[in-house]
Amino acid sequence: MKVIPYTTRTGLQIGCRYDRPAPVYPISHDMQRLQNSLLGTPRVAPLRTWVGRALDIALYLLTVLIVALSLVTLGIVLLR
């Protein structure tokens, strides 16, 4: 077996920058699941139903109403 680095008769060293591979550690099932969850592609949420969209619209309108009433109340207080 040849020793690394191998020096040819012309003086060329072969494998002088070779590093032995790192030891392989056994991977447990939990480690594999964690790695898959962190590195895997995210799951796409299913399409929302009409109920979810109606709820979004209702919450948006309620927010707009609350902001409008707050501005009106603030205007009344400032005018006094």
N, C-alpha and C. Protein backbone atom coordinates (compact mmCIF):
# COMPACT_ATOMS: atom_id res chain seq x y z
N MET A 1 0.84 -1.18 0.00
CA MET A 1 0.00 0.00 0.00
C MET A 1 0.88 1.24 0.00
N LYS A 2 0.51 2.20 -0.83
CA LYS A 2 1.30 3.41 -0.95
C LYS A 2 0.92 4.40 0.14
N VAL A 3 1.91 5.14 0.60
CA VAL A 3 1.71 6.12 1.67
C VAL A 3 1.27 7.44 1.04
N ILE A 4 0.32 8.09 1.67
CA ILE A 4 -0.16 9.40 1.20
C ILE A 4 0.64 10.45 1.94
N PRO A 5 1.23 11.45 1.35
CA PRO A 5 1.27 11.70 -0.08
C PRO A 5 2.32 10.82 -0.77
N TYR A 6 1.99 10.44 -1.96
CA TYR A 6 2.87 9.61 -2.78
C TYR A 6 3.73 10.54 -3.62
N THR A 7 5.02 10.35 -3.57
CA THR A 7 5.93 11.18 -4.35
C THR A 7 6.42 10.37 -5.54
N THR A 8 6.20 10.92 -6.72
CA THR A 8 6.65 10.25 -7.94
C THR A 8 8.15 10.44 -8.10
N ARG A 9 8.75 9.76 -9.06
CA ARG A 9 10.20 9.88 -9.24
C ARG A 9 10.60 11.25 -9.77
N THR A 10 9.62 12.01 -10.33
CA THR A 10 9.93 13.37 -10.78
C THR A 10 9.76 14.38 -9.65
N GLY A 11 9.32 13.95 -8.49
CA GLY A 11 9.17 14.84 -7.35
C GLY A 11 7.76 15.37 -7.15
N LEU A 12 6.82 14.93 -7.98
CA LEU A 12 5.43 15.36 -7.87
C LEU A 12 4.76 14.59 -6.74
N GLN A 13 4.11 15.34 -5.84
CA GLN A 13 3.41 14.70 -4.73
C GLN A 13 1.94 14.54 -5.09
N ILE A 14 1.48 13.32 -4.98
CA ILE A 14 0.07 13.01 -5.27
C ILE A 14 -0.63 12.76 -3.95
N GLY A 15 -1.71 13.52 -3.73
CA GLY A 15 -2.51 13.34 -2.52
C GLY A 15 -1.98 14.08 -1.32
N CYS A 16 -1.18 15.13 -1.53
CA CYS A 16 -0.62 15.84 -0.37
C CYS A 16 -1.69 16.66 0.34
N ARG A 17 -2.80 16.99 -0.32
CA ARG A 17 -3.88 17.77 0.31
C ARG A 17 -5.07 16.88 0.66
N TYR A 18 -4.87 15.59 0.66
CA TYR A 18 -5.95 14.65 0.95
C TYR A 18 -6.25 14.63 2.44
N ASP A 19 -7.52 14.72 2.78
CA ASP A 19 -7.98 14.56 4.15
C ASP A 19 -8.86 13.33 4.21
N ARG A 20 -8.65 12.54 5.22
CA ARG A 20 -9.49 11.35 5.36
C ARG A 20 -10.94 11.79 5.63
N PRO A 21 -11.91 11.04 5.12
CA PRO A 21 -13.31 11.41 5.36
C PRO A 21 -13.65 11.34 6.84
N ALA A 22 -14.57 12.19 7.23
CA ALA A 22 -15.01 12.22 8.62
C ALA A 22 -15.73 10.92 8.96
N PRO A 23 -15.65 10.51 10.22
CA PRO A 23 -16.34 9.28 10.60
C PRO A 23 -17.87 9.44 10.45
N VAL A 24 -18.49 8.37 10.07
CA VAL A 24 -19.94 8.37 9.87
C VAL A 24 -20.60 7.94 11.18
N TYR A 25 -21.49 8.79 11.67
CA TYR A 25 -22.20 8.49 12.90
C TYR A 25 -23.58 7.94 12.57
N PRO A 26 -24.06 7.00 13.36
CA PRO A 26 -25.41 6.49 13.10
C PRO A 26 -26.46 7.57 13.36
N ILE A 27 -27.45 7.64 12.49
CA ILE A 27 -28.51 8.63 12.60
C ILE A 27 -29.76 7.95 13.15
N SER A 28 -30.29 8.49 14.24
CA SER A 28 -31.49 7.92 14.82
C SER A 28 -32.72 8.38 14.04
N HIS A 29 -33.83 7.75 14.30
CA HIS A 29 -35.09 8.09 13.61
C HIS A 29 -35.51 9.52 13.95
N ASP A 30 -35.33 9.93 15.21
CA ASP A 30 -35.69 11.28 15.61
C ASP A 30 -34.82 12.33 14.91
N MET A 31 -33.53 12.04 14.79
CA MET A 31 -32.65 12.97 14.10
C MET A 31 -33.03 13.12 12.63
N GLN A 32 -33.40 12.01 12.01
CA GLN A 32 -33.81 12.04 10.61
C GLN A 32 -35.10 12.83 10.43
N ARG A 33 -36.06 12.65 11.33
CA ARG A 33 -37.32 13.40 11.25
C ARG A 33 -37.08 14.90 11.43
N LEU A 34 -36.22 15.27 12.38
CA LEU A 34 -35.91 16.67 12.61
C LEU A 34 -35.24 17.28 11.39
N GLN A 35 -34.29 16.58 10.80
CA GLN A 35 -33.61 17.09 9.62
C GLN A 35 -34.58 17.24 8.45
N ASN A 36 -35.46 16.28 8.27
CA ASN A 36 -36.45 16.37 7.19
C ASN A 36 -37.39 17.54 7.40
N SER A 37 -37.78 17.78 8.65
CA SER A 37 -38.71 18.88 8.90
C SER A 37 -38.05 20.24 8.70
N LEU A 38 -36.76 20.35 9.03
CA LEU A 38 -36.07 21.63 8.89
C LEU A 38 -35.61 21.90 7.46
N LEU A 39 -35.23 20.88 6.74
CA LEU A 39 -34.68 21.06 5.41
C LEU A 39 -35.66 20.75 4.29
N GLY A 40 -36.75 20.08 4.62
CA GLY A 40 -37.71 19.69 3.60
C GLY A 40 -38.50 20.87 3.06
N THR A 41 -39.20 20.62 1.99
CA THR A 41 -40.04 21.68 1.43
C THR A 41 -41.28 21.85 2.31
N PRO A 42 -41.70 23.09 2.53
CA PRO A 42 -42.86 23.31 3.40
C PRO A 42 -44.13 22.76 2.76
N ARG A 43 -45.00 22.30 3.61
CA ARG A 43 -46.28 21.80 3.12
C ARG A 43 -47.18 22.97 2.75
N VAL A 44 -47.86 22.83 1.65
CA VAL A 44 -48.76 23.89 1.20
C VAL A 44 -50.11 23.69 1.88
N ALA A 45 -50.63 24.77 2.44
CA ALA A 45 -51.92 24.69 3.11
C ALA A 45 -53.01 24.43 2.07
N PRO A 46 -54.02 23.66 2.40
CA PRO A 46 -55.09 23.42 1.44
C PRO A 46 -55.84 24.71 1.13
N LEU A 47 -56.49 24.73 0.00
CA LEU A 47 -57.23 25.93 -0.39
C LEU A 47 -58.28 26.26 0.66
N ARG A 48 -58.40 27.54 0.92
CA ARG A 48 -59.34 27.96 1.94
C ARG A 48 -60.77 27.88 1.40
N THR A 49 -61.67 27.61 2.29
CA THR A 49 -63.07 27.49 1.90
C THR A 49 -63.74 28.85 1.92
N TRP A 50 -64.96 28.90 1.47
CA TRP A 50 -65.69 30.18 1.43
C TRP A 50 -65.95 30.69 2.84
N VAL A 51 -66.03 29.78 3.82
CA VAL A 51 -66.26 30.21 5.19
C VAL A 51 -65.05 30.99 5.71
N GLY A 52 -63.85 30.51 5.42
CA GLY A 52 -62.65 31.22 5.84
C GLY A 52 -62.53 32.58 5.18
N ARG A 53 -62.87 32.65 3.90
CA ARG A 53 -62.81 33.93 3.21
C ARG A 53 -63.86 34.90 3.74
N ALA A 54 -65.06 34.39 4.03
CA ALA A 54 -66.10 35.25 4.59
C ALA A 54 -65.68 35.77 5.97
N LEU A 55 -65.04 34.93 6.75
CA LEU A 55 -64.56 35.35 8.06
C LEU A 55 -63.48 36.42 7.92
N ASP A 56 -62.58 36.27 6.95
CA ASP A 56 -61.56 37.29 6.70
C ASP A 56 -62.19 38.62 6.34
N ILE A 57 -63.19 38.59 5.48
CA ILE A 57 -63.86 39.83 5.06
C ILE A 57 -64.57 40.48 6.25
N ALA A 58 -65.24 39.67 7.06
CA ALA A 58 -65.96 40.20 8.22
C ALA A 58 -64.98 40.84 9.21
N LEU A 59 -63.83 40.20 9.46
CA LEU A 59 -62.84 40.77 10.37
C LEU A 59 -62.23 42.04 9.80
N TYR A 60 -62.02 42.09 8.50
CA TYR A 60 -61.48 43.30 7.87
C TYR A 60 -62.48 44.45 8.02
N LEU A 61 -63.77 44.19 7.75
CA LEU A 61 -64.77 45.24 7.87
C LEU A 61 -64.92 45.71 9.32
N LEU A 62 -64.84 44.79 10.26
CA LEU A 62 -64.91 45.15 11.67
C LEU A 62 -63.73 46.03 12.07
N THR A 63 -62.55 45.71 11.57
CA THR A 63 -61.36 46.52 11.85
C THR A 63 -61.51 47.92 11.27
N VAL A 64 -61.99 48.02 10.04
CA VAL A 64 -62.20 49.32 9.41
C VAL A 64 -63.22 50.13 10.21
N LEU A 65 -64.29 49.49 10.67
CA LEU A 65 -65.32 50.18 11.46
C LEU A 65 -64.74 50.70 12.78
N ILE A 66 -63.95 49.88 13.45
CA ILE A 66 -63.36 50.29 14.73
C ILE A 66 -62.42 51.47 14.53
N VAL A 67 -61.61 51.42 13.48
CA VAL A 67 -60.68 52.52 13.21
C VAL A 67 -61.45 53.79 12.87
N ALA A 68 -62.51 53.66 12.07
CA ALA A 68 -63.30 54.84 11.70
C ALA A 68 -63.97 55.45 12.92
N LEU A 69 -64.55 54.63 13.78
CA LEU A 69 -65.18 55.14 15.00
C LEU A 69 -64.15 55.77 15.94
N SER A 70 -62.98 55.23 16.00
CA SER A 70 -61.93 55.81 16.83
C SER A 70 -61.53 57.18 16.31
N LEU A 71 -61.42 57.31 15.00
CA LEU A 71 -61.06 58.60 14.42
C LEU A 71 -62.16 59.63 14.62
N VAL A 72 -63.43 59.20 14.51
CA VAL A 72 -64.55 60.12 14.74
C VAL A 72 -64.55 60.56 16.19
N THR A 73 -64.37 59.63 17.12
CA THR A 73 -64.34 59.96 18.53
C THR A 73 -63.18 60.90 18.85
N LEU A 74 -62.03 60.65 18.26
CA LEU A 74 -60.88 61.51 18.46
C LEU A 74 -61.15 62.91 17.90
N GLY A 75 -61.84 62.98 16.77
CA GLY A 75 -62.17 64.27 16.19
C GLY A 75 -63.13 65.06 17.06
N ILE A 76 -64.10 64.38 17.66
CA ILE A 76 -65.07 65.05 18.54
C ILE A 76 -64.36 65.56 19.79
N VAL A 77 -63.47 64.77 20.34
CA VAL A 77 -62.75 65.18 21.54
C VAL A 77 -61.86 66.38 21.24
N LEU A 78 -61.21 66.39 20.08
CA LEU A 78 -60.31 67.49 19.74
C LEU A 78 -61.06 68.78 19.42
N LEU A 79 -62.31 68.67 18.96
CA LEU A 79 -63.08 69.87 18.59
C LEU A 79 -63.64 70.58 19.82
N ARG A 80 -63.72 69.94 20.96
CA ARG A 80 -64.29 70.56 22.16
C ARG A 80 -63.41 71.58 22.76
